[in-house]
Protein backbone atom coordinates (compact mmCIF):
# COMPACT_ATOMS: atom_id res chain seq x y z
CA MET A 1 26.64 20.60 -11.39
CA ARG A 2 22.99 19.60 -11.48
CA TYR A 3 22.51 15.83 -11.52
CA HIS A 4 19.71 13.29 -11.74
CA LEU A 5 20.18 9.73 -10.51
CA THR A 6 18.10 6.71 -11.54
CA THR A 7 18.50 3.56 -9.42
CA LEU A 8 17.65 0.06 -10.63
CA GLY A 9 17.82 -3.29 -8.87
CA CYS A 10 17.83 -4.29 -5.24
CA ALA A 11 17.92 -2.50 -1.90
CA LYS A 12 21.70 -2.76 -1.81
CA ASN A 13 21.83 -0.66 -4.98
CA THR A 14 19.56 1.85 -3.29
CA VAL A 15 22.09 2.19 -0.46
CA ASP A 16 24.92 2.65 -2.96
CA SER A 17 22.94 5.43 -4.64
CA ILE A 18 22.31 7.11 -1.29
CA ARG A 19 26.03 7.09 -0.54
CA LEU A 20 26.83 8.45 -3.99
CA GLU A 21 24.31 11.25 -3.52
CA ARG A 22 25.78 12.19 -0.15
CA THR A 23 29.22 12.36 -1.70
CA LEU A 24 27.98 14.55 -4.55
CA ARG A 25 26.12 16.83 -2.17
CA ASN A 26 29.16 17.16 0.03
CA LEU A 27 30.85 18.55 -3.09
CA ARG A 28 27.92 20.96 -3.54
CA HIS A 29 26.49 19.26 -6.63
CA THR A 30 22.72 19.73 -6.77
CA PRO A 31 20.04 17.07 -7.38
CA VAL A 32 17.16 17.79 -9.75
CA THR A 33 13.88 15.97 -10.04
CA THR A 34 13.91 15.08 -13.76
CA PRO A 35 16.65 14.17 -16.26
CA ASP A 36 15.87 17.09 -18.57
CA LEU A 37 16.93 19.56 -15.86
CA ALA A 38 20.28 17.88 -15.25
CA ASP A 39 23.82 18.58 -16.45
CA LEU A 40 24.72 15.01 -15.47
CA ILE A 41 22.46 11.96 -15.74
CA LEU A 42 23.49 8.89 -13.74
CA VAL A 43 22.03 5.37 -13.95
CA ASN A 44 22.89 2.87 -11.21
CA THR A 45 22.39 -0.46 -12.99
CA CYS A 46 21.65 -4.05 -11.96
CA GLY A 47 23.29 -7.05 -13.63
CA PHE A 48 22.04 -9.92 -11.49
CA ILE A 49 19.74 -11.66 -13.98
CA ASP A 50 18.88 -11.23 -17.66
CA ALA A 51 15.67 -9.33 -16.95
CA ALA A 52 17.61 -6.85 -14.79
CA LYS A 53 20.24 -6.41 -17.51
CA ASP A 54 17.55 -5.81 -20.12
CA GLU A 55 15.89 -3.22 -17.90
CA SER A 56 19.23 -1.50 -17.32
CA ILE A 57 20.04 -1.32 -21.05
CA GLN A 58 16.55 -0.11 -21.94
CA THR A 59 16.65 2.60 -19.26
CA VAL A 60 20.02 3.83 -20.51
CA LYS A 61 18.79 3.83 -24.12
CA THR A 62 15.71 5.84 -23.16
CA LEU A 63 17.75 8.44 -21.30
CA GLU A 64 20.34 8.60 -24.08
CA SER A 65 17.71 9.18 -26.76
CA ALA A 66 16.27 12.15 -24.85
CA ARG A 67 19.42 13.85 -23.61
CA ARG A 68 20.76 17.11 -25.01
CA PRO A 69 24.26 17.37 -26.53
CA ASN A 70 25.60 19.25 -23.49
CA GLN A 71 24.32 16.65 -20.99
CA GLN A 72 26.64 13.94 -19.68
CA LEU A 73 25.43 10.37 -19.12
CA TYR A 74 27.23 8.13 -16.62
CA VAL A 75 26.30 4.45 -16.37
CA ILE A 76 27.44 2.88 -13.09
CA GLY A 77 26.91 -0.10 -10.81
CA CYS A 78 26.69 -3.86 -11.00
CA MET A 79 26.13 -4.31 -14.74
CA THR A 80 29.00 -2.05 -15.74
CA GLN A 81 31.20 -3.84 -13.21
CA ILE A 82 30.99 -7.02 -15.28
CA ALA A 83 29.69 -5.92 -18.70
CA ALA A 84 30.84 -2.38 -19.45
CA THR A 85 31.66 -3.36 -23.04
CA GLU A 86 28.15 -4.76 -23.51
CA VAL A 87 26.66 -1.51 -22.24
CA ARG A 88 28.84 0.62 -24.51
CA THR A 89 28.02 -1.58 -27.49
CA ALA A 90 24.29 -1.21 -26.86
CA VAL A 91 24.54 2.54 -26.16
CA PRO A 92 27.73 3.87 -27.80
CA ASN A 93 27.32 7.53 -26.90
CA ILE A 94 27.33 7.34 -23.11
CA THR A 95 29.92 9.61 -21.48
CA ALA A 96 31.48 7.22 -18.96
CA THR A 97 31.03 3.92 -17.14
CA TYR A 98 31.94 3.05 -13.55
CA GLY A 99 31.66 -0.19 -11.61
CA ALA A 100 29.97 -0.94 -8.29
CA GLU A 101 30.69 1.20 -5.20
CA ALA A 102 32.57 3.76 -7.30
CA TRP A 103 31.03 6.88 -5.78
CA GLU A 104 34.35 8.32 -4.61
CA GLN A 105 35.88 7.88 -8.07
CA ILE A 106 32.86 9.51 -9.69
CA ALA A 107 33.07 12.44 -7.29
CA ALA A 108 36.82 12.79 -7.85
CA ASP A 109 36.36 12.84 -11.63
CA LEU A 110 33.65 15.47 -11.36
CA GLY A 111 35.68 17.86 -9.26
CA PRO A 112 37.52 18.36 -5.96
CA ALA A 113 36.49 15.70 -3.48
CA SER A 114 37.07 15.18 0.20
CA ASP A 115 39.80 12.67 1.07
CA THR A 116 37.37 10.13 2.51
CA TYR A 117 33.67 9.48 2.46
CA ASP A 118 32.09 10.12 5.84
CA ILE A 119 28.57 9.84 7.17
CA PRO A 120 27.23 13.22 8.34
CA GLN A 121 26.87 13.59 12.09
CA PRO A 122 23.35 13.28 13.54
CA SER A 123 21.21 16.35 13.14
CA PRO A 124 18.27 17.29 15.37
CA SER A 125 16.12 18.05 12.33
CA PRO A 126 15.12 15.95 9.32
CA LEU A 127 16.90 16.31 6.00
CA GLU A 128 15.71 19.07 3.73
CA GLY A 129 14.83 18.60 0.09
CA GLU A 130 14.29 15.64 -2.15
CA GLY A 131 16.58 13.16 -3.75
CA TRP A 132 18.47 11.62 -0.86
CA GLY A 133 16.97 8.21 -1.56
CA GLU A 134 15.75 7.43 1.96
CA ARG A 135 12.09 6.63 2.29
CA SER A 136 10.16 9.03 4.50
CA SER A 137 9.37 6.23 6.95
CA SER A 138 12.13 3.65 6.48
CA ALA A 139 15.71 3.41 5.27
CA TYR A 140 18.13 0.70 4.26
CA LEU A 141 21.34 0.11 6.22
CA LYS A 142 23.85 -1.95 4.24
CA ILE A 143 26.04 -3.71 6.78
CA SER A 144 28.34 -5.55 4.37
CA ASP A 145 28.87 -6.23 0.70
CA GLY A 146 30.34 -8.97 -1.44
CA CYS A 147 29.95 -12.70 -0.86
CA ASP A 148 32.13 -15.75 -0.22
CA ARG A 149 29.45 -18.36 -0.96
CA PRO A 150 30.01 -20.77 -3.88
CA CYS A 151 26.46 -20.78 -5.34
CA THR A 152 26.72 -22.05 -8.92
CA PHE A 153 24.00 -19.76 -10.31
CA CYS A 154 25.20 -16.46 -8.85
CA ILE A 155 27.40 -13.77 -10.39
CA ILE A 156 27.48 -11.56 -7.28
CA PRO A 157 30.96 -12.65 -6.07
CA THR A 158 32.32 -11.65 -9.49
CA ILE A 159 30.56 -8.28 -9.31
CA LYS A 160 31.13 -7.44 -5.66
CA GLY A 161 34.16 -9.49 -4.69
CA ARG A 162 34.70 -11.16 -1.34
CA MET A 163 32.50 -10.36 1.63
CA HIS A 164 33.59 -7.22 3.47
CA SER A 165 31.80 -5.85 6.52
CA ASP A 166 31.35 -2.17 7.24
CA THR A 167 32.62 -1.09 10.64
CA THR A 168 30.22 -1.15 13.55
CA GLU A 169 31.14 2.43 14.47
CA ARG A 170 30.34 3.78 11.03
CA LEU A 171 27.07 1.87 10.82
CA ILE A 172 25.99 3.05 14.27
CA ASN A 173 26.82 6.62 13.25
CA GLU A 174 24.73 6.26 10.10
CA ALA A 175 21.84 4.68 12.02
CA ARG A 176 21.83 7.54 14.53
CA TRP A 177 21.80 10.05 11.70
CA LEU A 178 18.87 8.29 10.06
CA ALA A 179 17.02 8.11 13.38
CA ALA A 180 17.55 11.85 13.89
CA SER A 181 16.14 12.36 10.38
CA GLY A 182 12.84 10.82 11.49
CA VAL A 183 13.19 7.29 10.13
CA LYS A 184 10.89 4.78 11.87
CA GLU A 185 12.36 1.62 10.36
CA LEU A 186 15.88 0.43 9.55
CA VAL A 187 16.12 -2.44 7.08
CA LEU A 188 19.45 -4.28 7.34
CA VAL A 189 20.69 -5.57 3.99
CA ALA A 190 23.78 -7.34 2.66
CA GLN A 191 24.57 -10.13 0.25
CA ASP A 192 24.75 -12.35 3.34
CA SER A 193 23.81 -10.44 6.48
CA THR A 194 24.58 -13.39 8.76
CA ALA A 195 28.25 -13.29 7.70
CA TYR A 196 28.66 -9.85 9.28
CA GLY A 197 31.98 -9.61 11.11
CA GLU A 198 33.39 -12.91 9.86
CA ASP A 199 36.05 -11.09 7.83
CA ALA A 200 37.22 -9.54 11.11
CA GLY A 201 37.32 -12.91 12.88
CA GLN A 202 34.08 -12.42 14.80
CA ARG A 203 31.77 -15.28 15.71
CA ASP A 204 28.05 -14.44 15.81
CA GLY A 205 29.04 -10.93 14.79
CA LEU A 206 25.53 -10.12 13.57
CA ALA A 207 23.99 -10.89 16.97
CA THR A 208 26.54 -8.62 18.66
CA PHE A 209 25.91 -5.88 16.10
CA LEU A 210 22.14 -6.07 16.59
CA GLU A 211 22.63 -5.60 20.32
CA ARG A 212 24.77 -2.51 19.72
CA LEU A 213 22.38 -1.13 17.11
CA SER A 214 19.25 -1.67 19.19
CA GLU A 215 20.82 0.19 22.10
CA ALA A 216 22.12 3.01 19.88
CA VAL A 217 18.73 3.85 18.27
CA PRO A 218 16.10 3.00 20.91
CA HIS A 219 13.59 5.40 19.33
CA VAL A 220 13.57 3.55 15.99
CA PRO A 221 10.68 1.14 16.64
CA TRP A 222 11.45 -1.32 13.84
CA ILE A 223 14.78 -2.87 12.85
CA ARG A 224 14.34 -5.54 10.17
CA LEU A 225 16.77 -8.26 9.04
CA MET A 226 17.01 -9.28 5.40
CA TYR A 227 19.05 -11.90 3.50
CA ALA A 228 20.01 -14.36 6.24
CA TYR A 229 21.95 -17.40 5.01
CA PRO A 230 20.68 -20.84 6.10
CA GLY A 231 23.20 -22.47 8.37
CA ARG A 232 24.38 -19.09 9.66
CA VAL A 233 21.20 -18.49 11.66
CA THR A 234 22.43 -19.58 15.07
CA PRO A 235 20.55 -19.91 18.38
CA ARG A 236 22.56 -16.91 19.61
CA LEU A 237 21.24 -14.78 16.73
CA ALA A 238 17.67 -16.00 17.21
CA HIS A 239 17.70 -15.31 20.95
CA ALA A 240 19.23 -11.86 20.42
CA MET A 241 16.44 -10.98 17.98
CA ALA A 242 13.82 -12.22 20.43
CA ALA A 243 15.27 -10.28 23.36
CA LEU A 244 15.78 -6.89 21.70
CA PRO A 245 12.66 -4.72 21.83
CA ASN A 246 13.00 -3.02 18.43
CA ILE A 247 14.17 -5.99 16.35
CA VAL A 248 10.96 -7.09 14.65
CA PRO A 249 10.10 -10.81 14.51
CA TYR A 250 10.74 -11.03 10.78
CA MET A 251 13.48 -12.68 8.75
CA ASP A 252 14.21 -12.97 5.05
CA MET A 253 16.11 -16.27 4.56
CA PRO A 254 16.62 -17.05 0.84
CA LEU A 255 16.60 -20.85 0.49
CA GLN A 256 16.57 -21.11 -3.34
CA HIS A 257 15.03 -24.59 -3.56
CA GLY A 258 13.24 -27.37 -1.67
CA SER A 259 14.93 -30.40 -3.22
CA ASP A 260 18.19 -31.68 -1.75
CA ALA A 261 19.35 -32.84 -5.17
CA VAL A 262 18.89 -29.37 -6.68
CA LEU A 263 20.44 -27.68 -3.65
CA HIS A 264 23.47 -29.95 -4.02
CA ARG A 265 23.87 -28.91 -7.66
CA MET A 266 23.48 -25.27 -6.62
CA LYS A 267 26.12 -25.72 -3.88
CA ARG A 268 23.61 -24.49 -1.34
CA PRO A 269 22.98 -25.77 2.23
CA SER A 270 20.84 -28.89 2.51
CA LEU A 271 17.22 -29.02 3.65
CA ARG A 272 18.41 -30.38 6.98
CA VAL A 273 20.43 -27.21 7.52
CA ALA A 274 17.56 -25.03 6.30
CA ARG A 275 15.07 -26.70 8.63
CA GLN A 276 17.47 -26.29 11.54
CA SER A 277 17.86 -22.56 10.90
CA ILE A 278 14.11 -22.12 10.56
CA GLN A 279 13.56 -23.99 13.81
CA HIS A 280 16.05 -21.79 15.67
CA VAL A 281 14.09 -18.62 14.89
CA ARG A 282 10.67 -20.22 15.36
CA ASP A 283 11.68 -21.59 18.76
CA ALA A 284 12.89 -18.16 19.87
CA MET A 285 10.06 -16.20 18.20
CA PRO A 286 6.95 -18.34 17.64
CA ASP A 287 5.20 -15.44 15.90
CA ILE A 288 8.03 -14.68 13.46
CA ALA A 289 7.11 -13.87 9.86
CA LEU A 290 9.44 -15.71 7.49
CA ARG A 291 10.16 -14.67 3.93
CA THR A 292 12.14 -16.74 1.45
CA THR A 293 12.94 -16.88 -2.25
CA PHE A 294 13.15 -19.81 -4.65
CA ILE A 295 14.56 -20.39 -8.12
CA VAL A 296 12.46 -22.57 -10.44
CA GLY A 297 13.72 -24.13 -13.62
CA TYR A 298 17.32 -24.56 -12.49
CA PRO A 299 19.27 -26.68 -15.03
CA GLY A 300 18.35 -30.31 -14.68
CA GLU A 301 15.37 -29.68 -12.39
CA THR A 302 13.04 -32.65 -12.86
CA GLU A 303 9.31 -32.72 -12.31
CA ARG A 304 9.93 -34.80 -9.18
CA GLU A 305 12.44 -32.26 -7.83
CA PHE A 306 10.01 -29.42 -8.50
CA GLN A 307 7.31 -31.35 -6.61
CA GLU A 308 9.74 -31.67 -3.70
CA LEU A 309 9.95 -27.88 -3.70
CA LEU A 310 6.16 -27.60 -3.55
CA ASP A 311 6.05 -30.18 -0.74
CA PHE A 312 8.66 -28.21 1.22
CA VAL A 313 6.62 -25.00 0.84
CA GLN A 314 3.51 -26.85 2.06
CA GLU A 315 5.48 -28.14 5.03
CA GLN A 316 6.99 -24.82 6.13
CA ARG A 317 4.08 -22.46 5.30
CA PHE A 318 6.27 -19.40 4.73
CA HIS A 319 4.50 -16.07 5.18
CA HIS A 320 6.08 -14.53 2.08
CA ILE A 321 7.61 -16.21 -0.97
CA GLY A 322 9.41 -14.60 -3.87
CA ALA A 323 10.23 -16.70 -6.91
CA PHE A 324 12.41 -16.33 -9.98
CA THR A 325 12.76 -18.41 -13.10
CA TYR A 326 16.37 -19.45 -13.56
CA SER A 327 18.37 -17.07 -15.73
CA PRO A 328 21.84 -18.24 -16.87
CA GLN A 329 24.63 -15.84 -15.95
CA PRO A 330 27.74 -15.98 -18.14
CA GLY A 331 30.76 -16.91 -16.07
CA THR A 332 28.84 -19.08 -13.60
CA PRO A 333 29.03 -22.90 -13.55
CA ALA A 334 25.26 -23.31 -13.97
CA ALA A 335 25.28 -21.36 -17.24
CA GLN A 336 27.27 -24.18 -18.86
CA LEU A 337 24.62 -26.80 -18.08
CA PRO A 338 21.74 -27.89 -20.39
CA GLN A 339 18.86 -25.47 -19.88
CA LEU A 340 15.14 -26.10 -19.41
CA THR A 341 12.69 -24.53 -21.81
CA GLU A 342 11.19 -21.16 -20.95
CA LYS A 343 7.72 -22.72 -21.16
CA THR A 344 8.64 -25.25 -18.45
CA LYS A 345 10.11 -22.54 -16.24
CA GLN A 346 7.02 -20.33 -16.53
CA ARG A 347 4.64 -23.21 -15.89
CA ARG A 348 6.46 -24.17 -12.71
CA TYR A 349 6.73 -20.56 -11.61
CA ALA A 350 2.96 -20.13 -11.92
CA ARG A 351 2.30 -23.31 -9.90
CA LEU A 352 4.64 -22.21 -7.11
CA MET A 353 3.17 -18.72 -6.90
CA GLU A 354 -0.38 -20.08 -6.88
CA LEU A 355 0.53 -22.16 -3.84
CA ALA A 356 2.35 -19.24 -2.21
CA GLN A 357 -0.67 -16.99 -2.73
CA ALA A 358 -3.00 -19.48 -1.04
CA ILE A 359 -0.67 -19.79 1.97
CA SER A 360 -0.34 -16.02 2.20
CA LEU A 361 -4.12 -15.64 2.27
CA GLU A 362 -4.34 -18.27 5.01
CA HIS A 363 -1.83 -16.35 7.15
CA ASN A 364 -3.65 -13.07 6.56
CA ARG A 365 -7.05 -14.53 7.46
CA ALA A 366 -5.57 -15.73 10.76
CA LEU A 367 -4.86 -12.08 11.63
CA VAL A 368 -8.48 -10.93 11.31
CA GLY A 369 -9.66 -9.55 14.65
CA GLN A 370 -6.13 -8.94 15.95
CA GLU A 371 -4.55 -5.57 16.72
CA LEU A 372 -1.26 -4.61 15.09
CA ASP A 373 0.89 -1.53 14.62
CA VAL A 374 1.02 -0.09 11.10
CA LEU A 375 3.63 2.25 9.68
CA ILE A 376 1.95 4.57 7.18
CA GLU A 377 3.94 5.02 3.95
CA SER A 378 1.69 6.77 1.46
CA GLU A 379 2.10 10.52 1.12
CA THR A 380 -1.52 10.84 0.00
CA PRO A 381 -4.46 8.56 0.82
CA THR A 382 -6.36 6.44 -1.69
CA GLN A 383 -10.06 7.09 -2.07
CA GLY A 384 -12.46 4.22 -1.44
CA GLU A 385 -15.23 3.47 -3.90
CA HIS A 386 -18.61 5.22 -3.85
CA GLY A 387 -17.51 7.97 -1.48
CA THR A 388 -16.50 5.60 1.31
CA GLY A 389 -13.65 7.88 2.37
CA ALA A 390 -9.87 7.96 2.44
CA VAL A 391 -7.68 4.88 2.85
CA SER A 392 -4.05 5.25 3.93
CA VAL A 393 -1.47 2.70 2.83
CA GLY A 394 1.09 1.26 5.22
CA ARG A 395 2.71 -1.95 6.45
CA THR A 396 2.74 -4.09 9.57
CA HIS A 397 5.99 -5.43 11.03
CA ARG A 398 5.26 -8.66 9.17
CA ASP A 399 5.86 -6.98 5.80
CA ALA A 400 9.13 -5.62 4.43
CA PRO A 401 9.07 -2.52 2.22
CA GLU A 402 8.64 -2.98 -1.52
CA VAL A 403 8.45 -6.80 -1.54
CA ASP A 404 5.67 -7.87 0.87
CA GLY A 405 2.04 -6.98 1.49
CA LEU A 406 0.33 -3.76 2.54
CA ALA A 407 -2.02 -2.63 5.27
CA LEU A 408 -4.93 -0.57 3.94
CA VAL A 409 -6.12 1.63 6.79
CA LYS A 410 -9.35 3.58 6.86
CA GLY A 411 -8.66 7.28 7.35
CA GLU A 412 -6.08 9.85 6.35
CA TYR A 413 -2.68 9.74 8.06
CA PRO A 414 0.65 11.32 7.07
CA ALA A 415 3.57 9.17 5.96
CA GLY A 416 5.74 8.11 8.86
CA THR A 417 2.85 7.82 11.31
CA MET A 418 2.72 4.66 13.42
CA ILE A 419 -0.85 3.76 14.38
CA ARG A 420 -2.59 0.87 16.11
CA VAL A 421 -5.19 -0.90 13.99
CA ARG A 422 -7.58 -3.79 14.08
CA VAL A 423 -7.45 -6.19 11.14
CA ASP A 424 -10.96 -6.45 9.70
CA GLY A 425 -10.34 -8.28 6.44
CA ALA A 426 -7.74 -10.19 4.46
CA LEU A 427 -6.75 -10.21 0.81
CA HIS A 428 -4.22 -12.58 -0.72
CA TYR A 429 -1.33 -10.29 0.15
CA ASP A 430 -2.82 -7.27 1.92
CA LEU A 431 -4.82 -6.49 5.07
CA LEU A 432 -7.91 -4.30 5.51
CA CYS A 433 -7.59 -2.38 8.76
CA THR A 434 -9.38 0.11 10.97
CA PRO A 435 -7.70 2.35 13.55
CA VAL A 436 -8.72 1.10 16.98
CA GLY A 437 -12.03 2.62 17.97
CA ILE A 438 -13.12 3.55 14.42
CA SER A 439 -15.79 1.69 12.44
CA SER A 440 -14.91 -1.05 9.98
CA VAL A 441 -12.98 -0.52 6.75
CA PRO A 442 -15.33 -0.55 3.73
CA GLN A 443 -15.37 -3.85 1.88
CA ALA A 444 -14.98 -2.21 -1.55
CA LEU A 445 -11.70 -0.34 -1.96
CA ALA A 446 -10.29 1.30 -5.06
CA ILE A 447 -7.19 -0.91 -4.82
CA PRO A 448 -7.00 -4.05 -6.98
CA LEU A 449 -6.00 -7.49 -5.73
CA HIS A 450 -2.39 -8.16 -6.57
CA PRO A 451 -1.81 -10.84 -9.24
CA ILE A 452 -0.33 -14.17 -8.25
CA THR A 453 2.95 -13.27 -9.97
CA ARG A 454 3.71 -10.61 -7.39
CA PRO A 455 7.08 -11.58 -5.77
């Protein structure tokens, strides 16, 4: 069967789609590049917030309106895990719905399937063809799923269930396979990466896993840690990150707010705990780039509490900040509380992102004149204005894929290339760079400045 898969939502959904595709390919089903060529159209949905649900429904509607009578349409993933009836009401003619992590069931329903899903063994050559979901230069490695945290705004425990870690052996096998496929960066993701191994009774299981992983794939230069939970970032974890040569000094630690009163209502760790976790990693890695996310407009958030959030951001000077306006999720405690107006939420969001943009620019300006490694991601270069030549697009270790800034490098380099550059200029989110020994990057580039709403 020829299939086409559309993936929405976060990096963890991307990993689920990759695993589904491997299962389908093991059964000799064939990916195609566009939905019109497919016998089966699949949509891996996101149901985390209202905007994600709306995008999921609209995507399914668009695909349904264009599909032929003999094409099947499967809607899968987080949204159908909790709201399959809502999806079927909005789009009555879909063929089937499946919940999250249902790739084996999908494969079984399509035809004969192997007894168990297994990661292919490492191959000396890169994967052939398109559609596997891995980026040419980096790949996500999902180390666990589900969550045991009691956050009052979050529907993830309902969607994903309790936290469950993947086995170290299977993850190491997958990492080796990705390394053999030419991946230069592994991005570790989970609902709570710092809980890794707790379900098996391990203490500091993530630190132990990082040591095993670093040793197993020494030729992968960058291993990046996302979604660390404040209070779970221990000195042992921080020192392991600092000591391992291919663990980059970068951490994504979602904090959600900067007011203790709001954090208490969210059932999140206090600012004291957050500051302690931040200090652990900054003591071990003074040059670490920290990313966090905040929710603005949480029910009951006062102007004073919002100002406390701004004061906390000023105090900590995070390198990267993502922000979301609060979106009530049915079935969560916070959804039952009196809600703020959308106007108030948007006004506060804009103020936070304006501050975050200014801090980001300050950090980027401090890098001017320094030399850094850049991982090129663009398949084709961008042309500078007025015939100033090609500009390749990549990232430094300080920037995670898809959510952080870019490095704009003078010259033409293939995706997956790691080059040394000098930082010659700074934009609010991005860096202007020149390969060492080559003249300065032109000041005028055909790439616009990102708006302040960029997460």
